[in-house]
Amino acid sequence: MTNKIFSLLILYFLFLVNCSNNENYNENNHPNQLKSNYKHLNLTILIDLSDRISILKNPEQPEKDIEIITYVIENFKKFLAIKGVVNSEDRIKVIFYPVTQYDIYKSIADSLNIDFGLLEFTERKIVFELLNSKFKNNLRELYVIASNAKSYPGSDLFNYFKHRITDDCINSDTNFINILTILTDGYIYYDKSKYNYKNRFSYLTPLSGHIDIFRNMNKWEEYFHNNDYGLIKIENDLSKLNILLCEFNPIYDSPKDFDIMKLYWSKWLEEQNVRKENYKIIKTEIASINKNLINSFFENIFKKSYVNQ
């Protein structure tokens, strides 16, 4: 009787070991069968390739941009590490607008369009480890070319919001959190897109009369709102989008421009249903100083990404 009980215990132990091995096998070989308590990130990085990055005008800007993007990538990787790379279906891409005619730009953008959900689990780990170097190397190649361009027609941010942003940046799947990071000096200009309706404009430049009017005015915010100044309203629903705007850079002799640009942008975003808590506008500074602001923005997103099960 004792031997029979002992034999049954041995069989039960082997059964438990076998079950444990099967669970490990599923975890390591079938990651898509696992359930994560975290949503996925759908992260888009839009780079303003206007004269703000000109080697003659702003020789330090390319390296500052790369450092800012590095902080964004570090936060993206931090999130993947928390929930486990094997569970990742997160997406990240770099874009420009309008689409440049240079094939090298398009090639670099394609190389920085990564969807972890399309990768085998072994590939996910490799891509994760190489993400920083991949972005830095490709971005440096991009900026060497772009910062030495002969002309800069501008970055058409107005029409990007008007025609592309919802398709490019918003995944309607509720398992994703949508994030757009824009690197821009805060001014908006494109040589083929400059018009206005009353006090609403498609552009915002240092020489614009609708900026200059506020520079030496008391109670200018009140005048701005009472006379309905702003960028032309676009009928977008961006309520599912988080937006981080970095490197706002007012011209040196008009530091008040940051507050003016910030009001134009804030009004425009909120008219497109971006919640106040879902966007952050950051003035240019030594990149390391802005690191905490960028980290804070992403920490708030991480909190929203956790799903109680």
Protein backbone atom coordinates (compact mmCIF):
# COMPACT_ATOMS: atom_id res chain seq x y z
CA MET A 1 0.00 0.00 0.00
CA THR A 2 2.80 2.34 0.93
CA ASN A 3 4.61 1.61 -2.35
CA LYS A 4 1.41 2.31 -4.28
CA ILE A 5 0.97 5.69 -2.56
CA PHE A 6 4.62 6.54 -3.18
CA SER A 7 4.24 5.65 -6.87
CA LEU A 8 1.17 7.88 -7.15
CA LEU A 9 3.06 10.76 -5.54
CA ILE A 10 5.91 10.33 -8.03
CA LEU A 11 3.46 10.39 -10.95
CA TYR A 12 1.77 13.50 -9.55
CA PHE A 13 5.15 15.24 -9.17
CA LEU A 14 6.09 14.41 -12.76
CA PHE A 15 2.74 15.76 -13.91
CA LEU A 16 3.40 19.06 -12.14
CA VAL A 17 6.89 19.34 -13.65
CA ASN A 18 5.51 18.65 -17.10
CA CYS A 19 2.84 21.34 -16.67
CA SER A 20 5.48 23.83 -15.55
CA ASN A 21 7.63 23.03 -18.58
CA ASN A 22 4.65 23.51 -20.87
CA GLU A 23 3.94 26.92 -19.34
CA ASN A 24 7.57 27.96 -19.88
CA TYR A 25 7.39 26.73 -23.43
CA ASN A 26 4.31 28.82 -24.13
CA GLU A 27 5.85 31.91 -22.56
CA ASN A 28 9.05 31.65 -24.56
CA ASN A 29 7.71 30.37 -27.84
CA HIS A 30 4.18 31.72 -28.15
CA PRO A 31 4.29 35.26 -26.75
CA ASN A 32 1.05 36.29 -28.45
CA GLN A 33 -0.83 33.80 -26.26
CA LEU A 34 0.20 35.73 -23.15
CA LYS A 35 -2.00 38.39 -21.61
CA SER A 36 -0.41 41.64 -20.54
CA ASN A 37 -1.80 44.07 -17.99
CA TYR A 38 -0.57 46.94 -20.16
CA LYS A 39 -1.85 48.57 -23.30
CA HIS A 40 0.48 49.14 -26.27
CA LEU A 41 2.04 52.43 -27.36
CA ASN A 42 1.50 53.83 -30.84
CA LEU A 43 4.25 56.45 -30.95
CA THR A 44 4.84 58.84 -33.87
CA ILE A 45 7.79 61.27 -34.02
CA LEU A 46 7.29 64.17 -36.44
CA ILE A 47 10.41 66.20 -37.24
CA ASP A 48 10.12 69.76 -38.53
CA LEU A 49 12.77 69.89 -41.27
CA SER A 50 12.50 73.62 -41.87
CA ASP A 51 15.40 76.09 -41.59
CA ARG A 52 15.29 75.59 -37.80
CA ILE A 53 17.82 72.78 -38.38
CA SER A 54 20.04 74.72 -40.81
CA ILE A 55 23.71 74.29 -39.99
CA LEU A 56 24.19 78.00 -40.78
CA LYS A 57 21.25 79.29 -38.74
CA ASN A 58 21.18 76.85 -35.80
CA PRO A 59 24.30 74.64 -35.86
CA GLU A 60 23.49 73.13 -32.46
CA GLN A 61 19.89 72.16 -33.30
CA PRO A 62 20.47 68.78 -35.01
CA GLU A 63 22.29 67.39 -31.99
CA LYS A 64 19.66 68.81 -29.63
CA ASP A 65 16.91 67.14 -31.68
CA ILE A 66 18.72 63.80 -31.57
CA GLU A 67 19.16 64.08 -27.81
CA ILE A 68 15.46 64.87 -27.32
CA ILE A 69 14.45 61.92 -29.49
CA THR A 70 16.85 59.73 -27.49
CA TYR A 71 14.95 60.62 -24.30
CA VAL A 72 11.70 59.71 -26.04
CA ILE A 73 13.16 56.37 -27.15
CA GLU A 74 14.43 55.68 -23.63
CA ASN A 75 10.91 56.16 -22.27
CA PHE A 76 9.50 53.92 -24.98
CA LYS A 77 12.02 51.21 -24.05
CA LYS A 78 11.37 51.69 -20.35
CA PHE A 79 7.70 50.94 -20.97
CA LEU A 80 8.50 47.82 -22.99
CA ALA A 81 10.85 46.60 -20.26
CA ILE A 82 8.15 47.06 -17.60
CA LYS A 83 5.55 44.96 -19.38
CA GLY A 84 8.03 42.61 -21.05
CA VAL A 85 9.33 42.87 -24.60
CA VAL A 86 7.86 39.47 -25.36
CA ASN A 87 4.39 40.97 -24.82
CA SER A 88 5.05 43.99 -27.01
CA GLU A 89 2.87 44.96 -29.92
CA ASP A 90 4.02 48.57 -29.57
CA ARG A 91 4.75 50.73 -32.58
CA ILE A 92 7.13 53.60 -33.24
CA LYS A 93 7.86 55.61 -36.38
CA VAL A 94 9.55 58.79 -37.60
CA ILE A 95 7.86 60.98 -40.22
CA PHE A 96 8.27 64.32 -42.03
CA TYR A 97 5.68 66.50 -43.75
CA PRO A 98 5.38 67.31 -46.52
CA VAL A 99 6.89 64.14 -47.90
CA THR A 100 10.32 65.09 -49.15
CA GLN A 101 11.50 64.37 -52.66
CA TYR A 102 14.78 62.97 -51.39
CA ASP A 103 14.87 59.17 -51.45
CA ILE A 104 17.41 59.08 -48.61
CA TYR A 105 14.89 60.79 -46.30
CA LYS A 106 12.22 58.25 -47.20
CA SER A 107 14.66 55.39 -46.72
CA ILE A 108 15.61 56.61 -43.24
CA ALA A 109 11.95 57.08 -42.30
CA ASP A 110 11.17 53.53 -43.46
CA SER A 111 14.04 52.14 -41.39
CA LEU A 112 12.63 53.89 -38.29
CA ASN A 113 9.12 52.51 -38.68
CA ILE A 114 8.96 49.57 -36.27
CA ASP A 115 5.95 47.45 -35.30
CA PHE A 116 6.86 44.97 -32.57
CA GLY A 117 3.60 43.11 -33.15
CA LEU A 118 4.86 42.01 -36.58
CA LEU A 119 8.11 40.57 -35.17
CA GLU A 120 8.82 37.07 -33.93
CA PHE A 121 9.55 37.02 -30.22
CA THR A 122 13.29 36.45 -30.77
CA GLU A 123 13.39 39.43 -33.16
CA ARG A 124 11.62 41.62 -30.62
CA LYS A 125 14.42 41.22 -28.11
CA ILE A 126 17.10 41.98 -30.70
CA VAL A 127 15.28 45.06 -32.06
CA PHE A 128 14.69 46.23 -28.48
CA GLU A 129 18.39 46.04 -27.63
CA LEU A 130 19.46 47.84 -30.82
CA LEU A 131 16.74 50.50 -30.79
CA ASN A 132 18.88 53.34 -29.38
CA SER A 133 21.80 52.84 -31.76
CA LYS A 134 19.50 52.31 -34.74
CA PHE A 135 17.72 55.61 -34.17
CA LYS A 136 20.88 57.59 -33.36
CA ASN A 137 22.79 56.36 -36.40
CA ASN A 138 19.94 56.90 -38.84
CA LEU A 139 18.98 60.27 -37.42
CA ARG A 140 22.57 61.52 -37.58
CA GLU A 141 22.68 60.54 -41.25
CA LEU A 142 19.39 62.38 -41.80
CA TYR A 143 20.48 65.58 -40.06
CA VAL A 144 23.85 65.72 -41.84
CA ILE A 145 21.95 65.90 -45.13
CA ALA A 146 18.96 67.99 -44.02
CA SER A 147 20.97 70.60 -42.10
CA ASN A 148 23.06 71.34 -45.21
CA ALA A 149 20.12 71.71 -47.59
CA LYS A 150 20.25 74.57 -50.09
CA SER A 151 16.67 75.67 -49.40
CA TYR A 152 13.94 75.12 -46.82
CA PRO A 153 10.32 75.48 -48.00
CA GLY A 154 9.16 74.91 -44.43
CA SER A 155 7.37 72.19 -42.53
CA ASP A 156 3.65 72.20 -43.33
CA LEU A 157 2.36 71.43 -39.85
CA PHE A 158 -0.95 73.16 -40.52
CA ASN A 159 -1.84 70.85 -43.42
CA TYR A 160 -0.42 67.86 -41.61
CA PHE A 161 -3.02 68.39 -38.91
CA LYS A 162 -5.66 69.13 -41.53
CA HIS A 163 -5.08 66.11 -43.77
CA ARG A 164 -2.87 63.47 -42.14
CA ILE A 165 -2.77 63.42 -38.37
CA THR A 166 -5.77 61.19 -37.66
CA ASP A 167 -4.70 58.56 -40.21
CA ASP A 168 -1.02 58.64 -39.24
CA CYS A 169 -1.20 58.91 -35.47
CA ILE A 170 -4.46 57.48 -34.14
CA ASN A 171 -5.09 53.78 -33.82
CA SER A 172 -8.76 53.34 -32.93
CA ASP A 173 -8.04 50.03 -31.18
CA THR A 174 -8.60 50.68 -27.46
CA ASN A 175 -5.61 48.45 -26.67
CA PHE A 176 -3.33 51.24 -27.93
CA ILE A 177 -2.36 54.60 -26.47
CA ASN A 178 -1.61 57.11 -29.24
CA ILE A 179 1.29 59.54 -28.83
CA LEU A 180 2.63 62.20 -31.19
CA THR A 181 5.96 63.88 -30.46
CA ILE A 182 6.70 66.94 -32.61
CA LEU A 183 10.09 68.64 -32.78
CA THR A 184 9.51 72.19 -33.98
CA ASP A 185 10.48 75.76 -33.17
CA GLY A 186 6.77 76.54 -32.66
CA TYR A 187 6.46 78.75 -35.72
CA ILE A 188 4.31 77.42 -38.56
CA TYR A 189 5.11 78.20 -42.17
CA TYR A 190 4.98 76.54 -45.57
CA ASP A 191 5.50 78.54 -48.75
CA LYS A 192 2.48 76.99 -50.49
CA SER A 193 0.08 77.29 -47.57
CA LYS A 194 -0.37 80.84 -46.30
CA TYR A 195 -3.87 82.26 -45.86
CA ASN A 196 -6.27 83.57 -43.24
CA TYR A 197 -9.94 84.06 -42.38
CA LYS A 198 -10.34 87.24 -40.33
CA ASN A 199 -8.11 86.71 -37.26
CA ARG A 200 -7.53 83.01 -37.93
CA PHE A 201 -4.35 82.00 -39.77
CA SER A 202 -2.70 78.97 -41.36
CA TYR A 203 0.76 80.26 -40.46
CA LEU A 204 2.69 81.70 -37.54
CA THR A 205 6.08 83.30 -38.21
CA PRO A 206 8.37 85.77 -36.42
CA LEU A 207 7.40 88.45 -38.98
CA SER A 208 3.66 87.78 -38.83
CA GLY A 209 1.60 90.83 -37.92
CA HIS A 210 -0.65 88.65 -35.76
CA ILE A 211 2.34 87.87 -33.52
CA ASP A 212 3.87 91.33 -33.55
CA ILE A 213 0.61 92.93 -32.42
CA PHE A 214 0.87 91.20 -29.04
CA ARG A 215 4.56 91.80 -28.30
CA ASN A 216 4.17 95.22 -26.68
CA MET A 217 0.55 94.97 -25.60
CA ASN A 218 -0.73 94.88 -22.04
CA LYS A 219 -3.52 92.38 -21.34
CA TRP A 220 -2.71 90.77 -24.67
CA GLU A 221 -4.24 87.42 -23.71
CA GLU A 222 -7.59 89.13 -23.13
CA TYR A 223 -7.35 90.88 -26.51
CA PHE A 224 -6.41 87.54 -28.14
CA HIS A 225 -9.52 85.80 -26.86
CA ASN A 226 -11.96 88.71 -27.26
CA ASN A 227 -11.03 89.11 -30.93
CA ASP A 228 -10.87 85.37 -31.66
CA TYR A 229 -7.25 85.25 -32.75
CA GLY A 230 -5.80 81.84 -33.46
CA LEU A 231 -4.88 79.28 -36.06
CA ILE A 232 -7.66 78.29 -38.44
CA LYS A 233 -9.88 75.80 -36.69
CA ILE A 234 -9.76 72.24 -38.03
CA GLU A 235 -12.61 69.80 -37.44
CA ASN A 236 -10.47 67.02 -35.98
CA ASP A 237 -11.28 64.75 -33.08
CA LEU A 238 -7.91 64.24 -31.40
CA SER A 239 -9.36 63.21 -28.04
CA LYS A 240 -7.50 59.89 -28.29
CA LEU A 241 -4.13 61.51 -28.94
CA ASN A 242 -1.39 62.59 -26.52
CA ILE A 243 0.89 65.28 -27.95
CA LEU A 244 4.37 66.30 -26.82
CA LEU A 245 5.75 69.45 -28.50
CA CYS A 246 9.47 70.03 -27.98
CA GLU A 247 12.03 72.70 -28.89
CA PHE A 248 9.76 75.74 -29.14
CA ASN A 249 12.33 78.41 -29.91
CA PRO A 250 11.26 82.10 -29.87
CA ILE A 251 13.50 84.50 -31.76
CA TYR A 252 16.21 85.88 -29.52
CA ASP A 253 14.95 89.48 -29.43
CA SER A 254 11.36 88.52 -28.59
CA PRO A 255 11.26 86.05 -25.68
CA LYS A 256 7.56 86.82 -25.25
CA ASP A 257 6.97 84.86 -28.45
CA PHE A 258 7.01 81.62 -26.47
CA ASP A 259 3.92 82.66 -24.54
CA ILE A 260 2.26 83.90 -27.72
CA MET A 261 3.02 80.71 -29.65
CA LYS A 262 1.97 78.59 -26.70
CA LEU A 263 -1.43 80.32 -26.59
CA TYR A 264 -1.93 79.87 -30.36
CA TRP A 265 -1.02 76.18 -30.14
CA SER A 266 -3.00 75.48 -26.95
CA LYS A 267 -6.17 77.02 -28.37
CA TRP A 268 -5.71 75.12 -31.64
CA LEU A 269 -5.13 71.75 -29.96
CA GLU A 270 -8.04 72.13 -27.56
CA GLU A 271 -10.34 73.09 -30.45
CA GLN A 272 -9.38 69.71 -31.93
CA ASN A 273 -10.44 68.02 -28.66
CA VAL A 274 -6.97 67.40 -27.25
CA ARG A 275 -7.44 67.45 -23.49
CA LYS A 276 -5.27 69.85 -21.50
CA GLU A 277 -3.75 67.00 -19.52
CA ASN A 278 -2.88 65.17 -22.75
CA TYR A 279 -0.46 67.69 -24.25
CA LYS A 280 2.72 69.41 -23.15
CA ILE A 281 4.60 72.28 -24.83
CA ILE A 282 8.30 72.55 -23.98
CA LYS A 283 10.55 75.53 -24.69
CA THR A 284 14.01 74.84 -26.10
CA GLU A 285 16.73 74.53 -23.51
CA ILE A 286 19.80 72.43 -22.86
CA ALA A 287 18.33 69.05 -23.69
CA SER A 288 19.30 67.49 -20.37
CA ILE A 289 17.29 70.16 -18.53
CA ASN A 290 14.15 69.22 -20.45
CA LYS A 291 14.67 65.53 -19.79
CA ASN A 292 12.58 65.59 -16.60
CA LEU A 293 9.69 67.27 -18.41
CA ILE A 294 9.75 64.60 -21.11
CA ASN A 295 9.96 61.83 -18.52
CA SER A 296 7.03 63.33 -16.62
CA PHE A 297 4.91 63.40 -19.78
CA PHE A 298 5.57 59.71 -20.43
CA GLU A 299 5.10 58.69 -16.79
CA ASN A 300 1.55 60.04 -16.96
CA ILE A 301 0.98 57.95 -20.08
CA PHE A 302 2.37 54.84 -18.38
CA LYS A 303 -0.18 55.28 -15.60
CA LYS A 304 -2.99 55.30 -18.17
CA SER A 305 -1.59 52.22 -19.89
CA TYR A 306 -2.13 49.84 -16.97
CA VAL A 307 -5.26 47.72 -17.27
CA ASN A 308 -6.71 46.12 -14.13
CA GLN A 309 -7.65 42.52 -14.83
